[in-house]
Amino acid sequence: LGNRRSIEIGGILMALGQFAMFFSASASGGAAISLMWVGLTLL
């Protein structure tokens, strides 16, 4: 991949992970936990 492309991919995935955590905190029940796992995986 190269350095710059890897940083870009990593940055996008981490931003998506944080937004998944946001949606997790906006949801409830099983959806909140599922979104948390998605967020952690992306991060």
PDB file of all heavy atoms in Angstrom:
ATOM      1  N   LEU A   1       0.792  -1.232   0.000  1.00  0.00           N
ATOM      2  CA  LEU A   1       0.000   0.000   0.000  1.00  0.00           C
ATOM      3  C   LEU A   1       0.824   1.283   0.000  1.00  0.00           C
ATOM      4  O   LEU A   1       0.414   2.278  -0.600  1.00  0.00           O
ATOM      5  CB  LEU A   1      -0.940   0.016   1.218  1.00  0.00           C
ATOM      6  CG  LEU A   1      -1.979  -1.102   1.260  1.00  0.00           C
ATOM      7  CD1 LEU A   1      -2.723  -1.091   2.596  1.00  0.00           C
ATOM      8  CD2 LEU A   1      -2.968  -0.947   0.103  1.00  0.00           C
ATOM      9  N   GLY A   2       1.948   1.298   0.701  1.00  0.00           N
ATOM     10  CA  GLY A   2       2.711   2.536   0.874  1.00  0.00           C
ATOM     11  C   GLY A   2       2.231   3.296   2.090  1.00  0.00           C
ATOM     12  O   GLY A   2       1.114   3.093   2.582  1.00  0.00           O
ATOM     13  N   ASN A   3       3.077   4.201   2.576  1.00  0.00           N
ATOM     14  CA  ASN A   3       2.792   4.912   3.818  1.00  0.00           C
ATOM     15  C   ASN A   3       1.558   5.794   3.736  1.00  0.00           C
ATOM     16  O   ASN A   3       0.663   5.721   4.590  1.00  0.00           O
ATOM     17  CB  ASN A   3       3.996   5.768   4.221  1.00  0.00           C
ATOM     18  CG  ASN A   3       5.202   4.938   4.581  1.00  0.00           C
ATOM     19  OD1 ASN A   3       6.261   5.095   3.991  1.00  0.00           O
ATOM     20  ND2 ASN A   3       5.071   4.057   5.544  1.00  0.00           N
ATOM     21  N   ARG A   4       1.528   6.659   2.731  1.00  0.00           N
ATOM     22  CA  ARG A   4       0.461   7.647   2.680  1.00  0.00           C
ATOM     23  C   ARG A   4      -0.898   6.993   2.499  1.00  0.00           C
ATOM     24  O   ARG A   4      -1.876   7.361   3.157  1.00  0.00           O
ATOM     25  CB  ARG A   4       0.716   8.649   1.556  1.00  0.00           C
ATOM     26  CG  ARG A   4      -0.168   9.889   1.620  1.00  0.00           C
ATOM     27  CD  ARG A   4      -0.038  10.738   0.363  1.00  0.00           C
ATOM     28  NE  ARG A   4      -0.587  10.042  -0.779  1.00  0.00           N
ATOM     29  CZ  ARG A   4       0.052   9.873  -1.936  1.00  0.00           C
ATOM     30  NH1 ARG A   4       1.265  10.335  -2.086  1.00  0.00           N
ATOM     31  NH2 ARG A   4      -0.524   9.243  -2.938  1.00  0.00           N
ATOM     32  N   ARG A   5      -0.975   6.019   1.608  1.00  0.00           N
ATOM     33  CA  ARG A   5      -2.250   5.349   1.373  1.00  0.00           C
ATOM     34  C   ARG A   5      -2.711   4.602   2.619  1.00  0.00           C
ATOM     35  O   ARG A   5      -3.903   4.588   2.950  1.00  0.00           O
ATOM     36  CB  ARG A   5      -2.128   4.391   0.192  1.00  0.00           C
ATOM     37  CG  ARG A   5      -3.465   3.835  -0.278  1.00  0.00           C
ATOM     38  CD  ARG A   5      -3.275   2.967  -1.505  1.00  0.00           C
ATOM     39  NE  ARG A   5      -2.632   3.697  -2.581  1.00  0.00           N
ATOM     40  CZ  ARG A   5      -2.133   3.116  -3.680  1.00  0.00           C
ATOM     41  NH1 ARG A   5      -2.185   1.807  -3.817  1.00  0.00           N
ATOM     42  NH2 ARG A   5      -1.578   3.849  -4.611  1.00  0.00           N
ATOM     43  N   SER A   6      -1.773   3.990   3.332  1.00  0.00           N
ATOM     44  CA  SER A   6      -2.134   3.284   4.569  1.00  0.00           C
ATOM     45  C   SER A   6      -2.673   4.254   5.616  1.00  0.00           C
ATOM     46  O   SER A   6      -3.635   3.939   6.324  1.00  0.00           O
ATOM     47  CB  SER A   6      -0.916   2.544   5.132  1.00  0.00           C
ATOM     48  OG  SER A   6      -0.520   1.502   4.267  1.00  0.00           O
ATOM     49  N   ILE A   7      -2.055   5.434   5.710  1.00  0.00           N
ATOM     50  CA  ILE A   7      -2.532   6.440   6.661  1.00  0.00           C
ATOM     51  C   ILE A   7      -3.940   6.892   6.292  1.00  0.00           C
ATOM     52  O   ILE A   7      -4.809   7.056   7.159  1.00  0.00           O
ATOM     53  CB  ILE A   7      -1.560   7.626   6.713  1.00  0.00           C
ATOM     54  CG1 ILE A   7      -0.245   7.202   7.376  1.00  0.00           C
ATOM     55  CG2 ILE A   7      -2.169   8.804   7.465  1.00  0.00           C
ATOM     56  CD1 ILE A   7       0.846   8.230   7.293  1.00  0.00           C
ATOM     57  N   GLU A   8      -4.183   7.092   5.005  1.00  0.00           N
ATOM     58  CA  GLU A   8      -5.509   7.518   4.571  1.00  0.00           C
ATOM     59  C   GLU A   8      -6.556   6.445   4.882  1.00  0.00           C
ATOM     60  O   GLU A   8      -7.643   6.755   5.389  1.00  0.00           O
ATOM     61  CB  GLU A   8      -5.486   7.841   3.079  1.00  0.00           C
ATOM     62  CG  GLU A   8      -4.679   9.089   2.743  1.00  0.00           C
ATOM     63  CD  GLU A   8      -4.523   9.282   1.250  1.00  0.00           C
ATOM     64  OE1 GLU A   8      -4.887   8.353   0.482  1.00  0.00           O
ATOM     65  OE2 GLU A   8      -4.044  10.349   0.832  1.00  0.00           O
ATOM     66  N   ILE A   9      -6.230   5.191   4.577  1.00  0.00           N
ATOM     67  CA  ILE A   9      -7.161   4.096   4.863  1.00  0.00           C
ATOM     68  C   ILE A   9      -7.420   4.015   6.367  1.00  0.00           C
ATOM     69  O   ILE A   9      -8.567   3.901   6.814  1.00  0.00           O
ATOM     70  CB  ILE A   9      -6.608   2.762   4.334  1.00  0.00           C
ATOM     71  CG1 ILE A   9      -6.593   2.766   2.806  1.00  0.00           C
ATOM     72  CG2 ILE A   9      -7.432   1.576   4.853  1.00  0.00           C
ATOM     73  CD1 ILE A   9      -5.858   1.579   2.193  1.00  0.00           C
ATOM     74  N   GLY A  10      -6.346   4.069   7.146  1.00  0.00           N
ATOM     75  CA  GLY A  10      -6.485   4.001   8.594  1.00  0.00           C
ATOM     76  C   GLY A  10      -7.304   5.141   9.154  1.00  0.00           C
ATOM     77  O   GLY A  10      -8.163   4.944  10.025  1.00  0.00           O
ATOM     78  N   GLY A  11      -7.079   6.350   8.648  1.00  0.00           N
ATOM     79  CA  GLY A  11      -7.821   7.511   9.123  1.00  0.00           C
ATOM     80  C   GLY A  11      -9.309   7.399   8.817  1.00  0.00           C
ATOM     81  O   GLY A  11     -10.158   7.730   9.656  1.00  0.00           O
ATOM     82  N   ILE A  12      -9.626   6.938   7.624  1.00  0.00           N
ATOM     83  CA  ILE A  12     -11.036   6.758   7.250  1.00  0.00           C
ATOM     84  C   ILE A  12     -11.703   5.721   8.146  1.00  0.00           C
ATOM     85  O   ILE A  12     -12.808   5.935   8.661  1.00  0.00           O
ATOM     86  CB  ILE A  12     -11.150   6.353   5.764  1.00  0.00           C
ATOM     87  CG1 ILE A  12     -10.743   7.526   4.868  1.00  0.00           C
ATOM     88  CG2 ILE A  12     -12.572   5.901   5.440  1.00  0.00           C
ATOM     89  CD1 ILE A  12     -10.579   7.147   3.411  1.00  0.00           C
ATOM     90  N   LEU A  13     -11.034   4.581   8.347  1.00  0.00           N
ATOM     91  CA  LEU A  13     -11.612   3.526   9.175  1.00  0.00           C
ATOM     92  C   LEU A  13     -11.804   3.985  10.621  1.00  0.00           C
ATOM     93  O   LEU A  13     -12.829   3.696  11.250  1.00  0.00           O
ATOM     94  CB  LEU A  13     -10.727   2.278   9.138  1.00  0.00           C
ATOM     95  CG  LEU A  13     -10.681   1.513   7.816  1.00  0.00           C
ATOM     96  CD1 LEU A  13      -9.682   0.362   7.902  1.00  0.00           C
ATOM     97  CD2 LEU A  13     -12.067   0.987   7.448  1.00  0.00           C
ATOM     98  N   MET A  14     -10.838   4.723  11.150  1.00  0.00           N
ATOM     99  CA  MET A  14     -10.967   5.192  12.534  1.00  0.00           C
ATOM    100  C   MET A  14     -12.068   6.232  12.679  1.00  0.00           C
ATOM    101  O   MET A  14     -12.803   6.243  13.680  1.00  0.00           O
ATOM    102  CB  MET A  14      -9.628   5.731  13.040  1.00  0.00           C
ATOM    103  CG  MET A  14      -8.633   4.622  13.349  1.00  0.00           C
ATOM    104  SD  MET A  14      -7.180   5.205  14.254  1.00  0.00           S
ATOM    105  CE  MET A  14      -6.344   6.132  12.969  1.00  0.00           C
ATOM    106  N   ALA A  15     -12.208   7.121  11.689  1.00  0.00           N
ATOM    107  CA  ALA A  15     -13.307   8.085  11.740  1.00  0.00           C
ATOM    108  C   ALA A  15     -14.649   7.358  11.699  1.00  0.00           C
ATOM    109  O   ALA A  15     -15.561   7.671  12.474  1.00  0.00           O
ATOM    110  CB  ALA A  15     -13.191   9.074  10.581  1.00  0.00           C
ATOM    111  N   LEU A  16     -14.765   6.367  10.812  1.00  0.00           N
ATOM    112  CA  LEU A  16     -15.999   5.582  10.750  1.00  0.00           C
ATOM    113  C   LEU A  16     -16.249   4.851  12.064  1.00  0.00           C
ATOM    114  O   LEU A  16     -17.399   4.730  12.512  1.00  0.00           O
ATOM    115  CB  LEU A  16     -15.923   4.578   9.592  1.00  0.00           C
ATOM    116  CG  LEU A  16     -15.964   5.170   8.176  1.00  0.00           C
ATOM    117  CD1 LEU A  16     -15.730   4.074   7.141  1.00  0.00           C
ATOM    118  CD2 LEU A  16     -17.309   5.862   7.919  1.00  0.00           C
ATOM    119  N   GLY A  17     -15.170   4.376  12.685  1.00  0.00           N
ATOM    120  CA  GLY A  17     -15.308   3.702  13.965  1.00  0.00           C
ATOM    121  C   GLY A  17     -15.848   4.629  15.047  1.00  0.00           C
ATOM    122  O   GLY A  17     -16.724   4.241  15.833  1.00  0.00           O
ATOM    123  N   GLN A  18     -15.350   5.860  15.082  1.00  0.00           N
ATOM    124  CA  GLN A  18     -15.844   6.819  16.069  1.00  0.00           C
ATOM    125  C   GLN A  18     -17.302   7.183  15.804  1.00  0.00           C
ATOM    126  O   GLN A  18     -18.105   7.338  16.746  1.00  0.00           O
ATOM    127  CB  GLN A  18     -14.978   8.082  16.076  1.00  0.00           C
ATOM    128  CG  GLN A  18     -13.524   7.868  16.442  1.00  0.00           C
ATOM    129  CD  GLN A  18     -13.312   7.544  17.922  1.00  0.00           C
ATOM    130  OE1 GLN A  18     -14.249   7.245  18.662  1.00  0.00           O
ATOM    131  NE2 GLN A  18     -12.066   7.583  18.354  1.00  0.00           N
ATOM    132  N   PHE A  19     -17.665   7.290  14.533  1.00  0.00           N
ATOM    133  CA  PHE A  19     -19.056   7.597  14.218  1.00  0.00           C
ATOM    134  C   PHE A  19     -19.968   6.421  14.558  1.00  0.00           C
ATOM    135  O   PHE A  19     -21.118   6.616  14.956  1.00  0.00           O
ATOM    136  CB  PHE A  19     -19.196   8.001  12.757  1.00  0.00           C
ATOM    137  CG  PHE A  19     -18.522   9.309  12.429  1.00  0.00           C
ATOM    138  CD1 PHE A  19     -17.766   9.454  11.290  1.00  0.00           C
ATOM    139  CD2 PHE A  19     -18.643  10.398  13.287  1.00  0.00           C
ATOM    140  CE1 PHE A  19     -17.140  10.653  10.996  1.00  0.00           C
ATOM    141  CE2 PHE A  19     -18.029  11.607  13.005  1.00  0.00           C
ATOM    142  CZ  PHE A  19     -17.274  11.738  11.854  1.00  0.00           C
ATOM    143  N   ALA A  20     -19.456   5.193  14.402  1.00  0.00           N
ATOM    144  CA  ALA A  20     -20.230   4.027  14.837  1.00  0.00           C
ATOM    145  C   ALA A  20     -20.447   4.062  16.348  1.00  0.00           C
ATOM    146  O   ALA A  20     -21.523   3.698  16.847  1.00  0.00           O
ATOM    147  CB  ALA A  20     -19.519   2.736  14.429  1.00  0.00           C
ATOM    148  N   MET A  21     -19.433   4.516  17.095  1.00  0.00           N
ATOM    149  CA  MET A  21     -19.587   4.667  18.540  1.00  0.00           C
ATOM    150  C   MET A  21     -20.636   5.746  18.860  1.00  0.00           C
ATOM    151  O   MET A  21     -21.418   5.611  19.811  1.00  0.00           O
ATOM    152  CB  MET A  21     -18.253   5.020  19.181  1.00  0.00           C
ATOM    153  CG  MET A  21     -17.183   3.947  19.055  1.00  0.00           C
ATOM    154  SD  MET A  21     -17.614   2.393  19.866  1.00  0.00           S
ATOM    155  CE  MET A  21     -17.611   2.889  21.589  1.00  0.00           C
ATOM    156  N   PHE A  22     -20.665   6.803  18.070  1.00  0.00           N
ATOM    157  CA  PHE A  22     -21.684   7.847  18.241  1.00  0.00           C
ATOM    158  C   PHE A  22     -23.080   7.267  18.047  1.00  0.00           C
ATOM    159  O   PHE A  22     -23.993   7.515  18.852  1.00  0.00           O
ATOM    160  CB  PHE A  22     -21.433   8.985  17.253  1.00  0.00           C
ATOM    161  CG  PHE A  22     -22.598   9.916  17.072  1.00  0.00           C
ATOM    162  CD1 PHE A  22     -22.936  10.827  18.054  1.00  0.00           C
ATOM    163  CD2 PHE A  22     -23.368   9.866  15.907  1.00  0.00           C
ATOM    164  CE1 PHE A  22     -24.017  11.692  17.894  1.00  0.00           C
ATOM    165  CE2 PHE A  22     -24.450  10.718  15.740  1.00  0.00           C
ATOM    166  CZ  PHE A  22     -24.777  11.630  16.737  1.00  0.00           C
ATOM    167  N   PHE A  23     -23.247   6.486  16.982  1.00  0.00           N
ATOM    168  CA  PHE A  23     -24.556   5.886  16.733  1.00  0.00           C
ATOM    169  C   PHE A  23     -24.889   4.838  17.795  1.00  0.00           C
ATOM    170  O   PHE A  23     -26.052   4.654  18.143  1.00  0.00           O
ATOM    171  CB  PHE A  23     -24.599   5.273  15.338  1.00  0.00           C
ATOM    172  CG  PHE A  23     -24.658   6.305  14.239  1.00  0.00           C
ATOM    173  CD1 PHE A  23     -23.635   6.394  13.303  1.00  0.00           C
ATOM    174  CD2 PHE A  23     -25.725   7.182  14.145  1.00  0.00           C
ATOM    175  CE1 PHE A  23     -23.679   7.346  12.298  1.00  0.00           C
ATOM    176  CE2 PHE A  23     -25.790   8.146  13.150  1.00  0.00           C
ATOM    177  CZ  PHE A  23     -24.763   8.229  12.218  1.00  0.00           C
ATOM    178  N   SER A  24     -23.872   4.167  18.305  1.00  0.00           N
ATOM    179  CA  SER A  24     -24.090   3.232  19.404  1.00  0.00           C
ATOM    180  C   SER A  24     -24.657   3.952  20.620  1.00  0.00           C
ATOM    181  O   SER A  24     -25.618   3.488  21.254  1.00  0.00           O
ATOM    182  CB  SER A  24     -22.777   2.532  19.772  1.00  0.00           C
ATOM    183  OG  SER A  24     -22.931   1.757  20.952  1.00  0.00           O
ATOM    184  N   ALA A  25     -24.072   5.104  20.941  1.00  0.00           N
ATOM    185  CA  ALA A  25     -24.533   5.873  22.100  1.00  0.00           C
ATOM    186  C   ALA A  25     -25.881   6.531  21.846  1.00  0.00           C
ATOM    187  O   ALA A  25     -26.539   6.972  22.786  1.00  0.00           O
ATOM    188  CB  ALA A  25     -23.503   6.931  22.465  1.00  0.00           C
ATOM    189  N   SER A  26     -26.295   6.598  20.572  1.00  0.00           N
ATOM    190  CA  SER A  26     -27.594   7.176  20.233  1.00  0.00           C
ATOM    191  C   SER A  26     -28.686   6.108  20.178  1.00  0.00           C
ATOM    192  O   SER A  26     -29.867   6.445  20.108  1.00  0.00           O
ATOM    193  CB  SER A  26     -27.512   7.890  18.878  1.00  0.00           C
ATOM    194  OG  SER A  26     -26.499   8.877  18.884  1.00  0.00           O
ATOM    195  N   ALA A  27     -28.277   4.833  20.163  1.00  0.00           N
ATOM    196  CA  ALA A  27     -29.227   3.722  20.066  1.00  0.00           C
ATOM    197  C   ALA A  27     -29.483   3.143  21.455  1.00  0.00           C
ATOM    198  O   ALA A  27     -29.081   3.700  22.478  1.00  0.00           O
ATOM    199  CB  ALA A  27     -28.689   2.657  19.111  1.00  0.00           C
ATOM    200  N   SER A  28     -30.139   2.010  21.484  1.00  0.00           N
ATOM    201  CA  SER A  28     -30.423   1.347  22.762  1.00  0.00           C
ATOM    202  C   SER A  28     -30.457  -0.157  22.554  1.00  0.00           C
ATOM    203  O   SER A  28     -30.578  -0.643  21.429  1.00  0.00           O
ATOM    204  CB  SER A  28     -31.764   1.827  23.343  1.00  0.00           C
ATOM    205  OG  SER A  28     -32.825   1.538  22.447  1.00  0.00           O
ATOM    206  N   GLY A  29     -30.342  -0.890  23.666  1.00  0.00           N
ATOM    207  CA  GLY A  29     -30.455  -2.342  23.623  1.00  0.00           C
ATOM    208  C   GLY A  29     -29.381  -3.013  22.795  1.00  0.00           C
ATOM    209  O   GLY A  29     -28.215  -2.600  22.773  1.00  0.00           O
ATOM    210  N   GLY A  30     -29.796  -4.060  22.076  1.00  0.00           N
ATOM    211  CA  GLY A  30     -28.852  -4.845  21.275  1.00  0.00           C
ATOM    212  C   GLY A  30     -28.209  -4.061  20.165  1.00  0.00           C
ATOM    213  O   GLY A  30     -27.049  -4.308  19.808  1.00  0.00           O
ATOM    214  N   ALA A  31     -28.927  -3.079  19.590  1.00  0.00           N
ATOM    215  CA  ALA A  31     -28.361  -2.262  18.514  1.00  0.00           C
ATOM    216  C   ALA A  31     -27.170  -1.462  19.009  1.00  0.00           C
ATOM    217  O   ALA A  31     -26.159  -1.319  18.306  1.00  0.00           O
ATOM    218  CB  ALA A  31     -29.424  -1.336  17.941  1.00  0.00           C
ATOM    219  N   ALA A  32     -27.267  -0.940  20.233  1.00  0.00           N
ATOM    220  CA  ALA A  32     -26.164  -0.152  20.788  1.00  0.00           C
ATOM    221  C   ALA A  32     -24.921  -1.010  20.962  1.00  0.00           C
ATOM    222  O   ALA A  32     -23.804  -0.577  20.637  1.00  0.00           O
ATOM    223  CB  ALA A  32     -26.589   0.458  22.124  1.00  0.00           C
ATOM    224  N   ILE A  33     -25.101  -2.232  21.448  1.00  0.00           N
ATOM    225  CA  ILE A  33     -23.956  -3.116  21.654  1.00  0.00           C
ATOM    226  C   ILE A  33     -23.362  -3.550  20.321  1.00  0.00           C
ATOM    227  O   ILE A  33     -22.136  -3.577  20.143  1.00  0.00           O
ATOM    228  CB  ILE A  33     -24.369  -4.331  22.502  1.00  0.00           C
ATOM    229  CG1 ILE A  33     -24.753  -3.873  23.919  1.00  0.00           C
ATOM    230  CG2 ILE A  33     -23.245  -5.355  22.566  1.00  0.00           C
ATOM    231  CD1 ILE A  33     -25.271  -4.968  24.813  1.00  0.00           C
ATOM    232  N   SER A  34     -24.221  -3.874  19.345  1.00  0.00           N
ATOM    233  CA  SER A  34     -23.725  -4.278  18.025  1.00  0.00           C
ATOM    234  C   SER A  34     -22.928  -3.154  17.370  1.00  0.00           C
ATOM    235  O   SER A  34     -21.852  -3.386  16.797  1.00  0.00           O
ATOM    236  CB  SER A  34     -24.899  -4.678  17.129  1.00  0.00           C
ATOM    237  OG  SER A  34     -25.566  -5.813  17.634  1.00  0.00           O
ATOM    238  N   LEU A  35     -23.442  -1.936  17.452  1.00  0.00           N
ATOM    239  CA  LEU A  35     -22.728  -0.795  16.870  1.00  0.00           C
ATOM    240  C   LEU A  35     -21.417  -0.532  17.599  1.00  0.00           C
ATOM    241  O   LEU A  35     -20.434  -0.108  16.983  1.00  0.00           O
ATOM    242  CB  LEU A  35     -23.619   0.443  16.907  1.00  0.00           C
ATOM    243  CG  LEU A  35     -24.730   0.487  15.857  1.00  0.00           C
ATOM    244  CD1 LEU A  35     -25.743   1.568  16.191  1.00  0.00           C
ATOM    245  CD2 LEU A  35     -24.142   0.711  14.462  1.00  0.00           C
ATOM    246  N   MET A  36     -21.398  -0.783  18.899  1.00  0.00           N
ATOM    247  CA  MET A  36     -20.150  -0.634  19.650  1.00  0.00           C
ATOM    248  C   MET A  36     -19.091  -1.585  19.113  1.00  0.00           C
ATOM    249  O   MET A  36     -17.934  -1.192  18.903  1.00  0.00           O
ATOM    250  CB  MET A  36     -20.373  -0.893  21.136  1.00  0.00           C
ATOM    251  CG  MET A  36     -19.116  -0.706  21.989  1.00  0.00           C
ATOM    252  SD  MET A  36     -19.250  -1.436  23.640  1.00  0.00           S
ATOM    253  CE  MET A  36     -19.060  -3.190  23.258  1.00  0.00           C
ATOM    254  N   TRP A  37     -19.479  -2.848  18.871  1.00  0.00           N
ATOM    255  CA  TRP A  37     -18.517  -3.815  18.339  1.00  0.00           C
ATOM    256  C   TRP A  37     -18.041  -3.433  16.946  1.00  0.00           C
ATOM    257  O   TRP A  37     -16.864  -3.594  16.608  1.00  0.00           O
ATOM    258  CB  TRP A  37     -19.127  -5.216  18.325  1.00  0.00           C
ATOM    259  CG  TRP A  37     -19.259  -5.841  19.681  1.00  0.00           C
ATOM    260  CD1 TRP A  37     -20.402  -6.201  20.325  1.00  0.00           C
ATOM    261  CD2 TRP A  37     -18.190  -6.185  20.580  1.00  0.00           C
ATOM    262  NE1 TRP A  37     -20.130  -6.732  21.555  1.00  0.00           N
ATOM    263  CE2 TRP A  37     -18.770  -6.736  21.738  1.00  0.00           C
ATOM    264  CE3 TRP A  37     -16.805  -6.067  20.515  1.00  0.00           C
ATOM    265  CZ2 TRP A  37     -18.012  -7.170  22.826  1.00  0.00           C
ATOM    266  CZ3 TRP A  37     -16.048  -6.505  21.592  1.00  0.00           C
ATOM    267  CH2 TRP A  37     -16.648  -7.039  22.723  1.00  0.00           C
ATOM    268  N   VAL A  38     -18.961  -2.915  16.128  1.00  0.00           N
ATOM    269  CA  VAL A  38     -18.555  -2.434  14.805  1.00  0.00           C
ATOM    270  C   VAL A  38     -17.543  -1.303  14.946  1.00  0.00           C
ATOM    271  O   VAL A  38     -16.503  -1.280  14.263  1.00  0.00           O
ATOM    272  CB  VAL A  38     -19.791  -1.956  14.007  1.00  0.00           C
ATOM    273  CG1 VAL A  38     -19.361  -1.242  12.718  1.00  0.00           C
ATOM    274  CG2 VAL A  38     -20.696  -3.135  13.664  1.00  0.00           C
ATOM    275  N   GLY A  39     -17.842  -0.359  15.834  1.00  0.00           N
ATOM    276  CA  GLY A  39     -16.936   0.767  16.037  1.00  0.00           C
ATOM    277  C   GLY A  39     -15.569   0.338  16.515  1.00  0.00           C
ATOM    278  O   GLY A  39     -14.541   0.804  16.005  1.00  0.00           O
ATOM    279  N   LEU A  40     -15.534  -0.558  17.492  1.00  0.00           N
ATOM    280  CA  LEU A  40     -14.249  -1.029  18.018  1.00  0.00           C
ATOM    281  C   LEU A  40     -13.445  -1.744  16.943  1.00  0.00           C
ATOM    282  O   LEU A  40     -12.228  -1.573  16.839  1.00  0.00           O
ATOM    283  CB  LEU A  40     -14.478  -1.955  19.209  1.00  0.00           C
ATOM    284  CG  LEU A  40     -15.028  -1.318  20.485  1.00  0.00           C
ATOM    285  CD1 LEU A  40     -15.226  -2.381  21.561  1.00  0.00           C
ATOM    286  CD2 LEU A  40     -14.123  -0.209  20.998  1.00  0.00           C
ATOM    287  N   THR A  41     -14.115  -2.564  16.135  1.00  0.00           N
ATOM    288  CA  THR A  41     -13.417  -3.291  15.067  1.00  0.00           C
ATOM    289  C   THR A  41     -12.793  -2.329  14.070  1.00  0.00           C
ATOM    290  O   THR A  41     -11.626  -2.482  13.674  1.00  0.00           O
ATOM    291  CB  THR A  41     -14.392  -4.236  14.350  1.00  0.00           C
ATOM    292  OG1 THR A  41     -14.945  -5.167  15.290  1.00  0.00           O
ATOM    293  CG2 THR A  41     -13.694  -5.008  13.236  1.00  0.00           C
ATOM    294  N   LEU A  42     -13.558  -1.327  13.658  1.00  0.00           N
ATOM    295  CA  LEU A  42     -13.031  -0.338  12.711  1.00  0.00           C
ATOM    296  C   LEU A  42     -11.872   0.443  13.309  1.00  0.00           C
ATOM    297  O   LEU A  42     -10.877   0.725  12.630  1.00  0.00           O
ATOM    298  CB  LEU A  42     -14.150   0.620  12.287  1.00  0.00           C
ATOM    299  CG  LEU A  42     -15.250   0.027  11.402  1.00  0.00           C
ATOM    300  CD1 LEU A  42     -16.409   1.003  11.259  1.00  0.00           C
ATOM    301  CD2 LEU A  42     -14.694  -0.348  10.036  1.00  0.00           C
ATOM    302  N   LEU A  43     -11.980   0.797  14.586  1.00  0.00           N
ATOM    303  CA  LEU A  43     -10.910   1.541  15.249  1.00  0.00           C
ATOM    304  C   LEU A  43      -9.631   0.708  15.345  1.00  0.00           C
ATOM    305  O   LEU A  43      -8.527   1.220  15.121  1.00  0.00           O
ATOM    306  CB  LEU A  43     -11.356   1.967  16.647  1.00  0.00           C
ATOM    307  CG  LEU A  43     -12.389   3.102  16.707  1.00  0.00           C
ATOM    308  CD1 LEU A  43     -12.987   3.213  18.098  1.00  0.00           C
ATOM    309  CD2 LEU A  43     -11.765   4.421  16.285  1.00  0.00           C
TER     310      LEU A  43
END
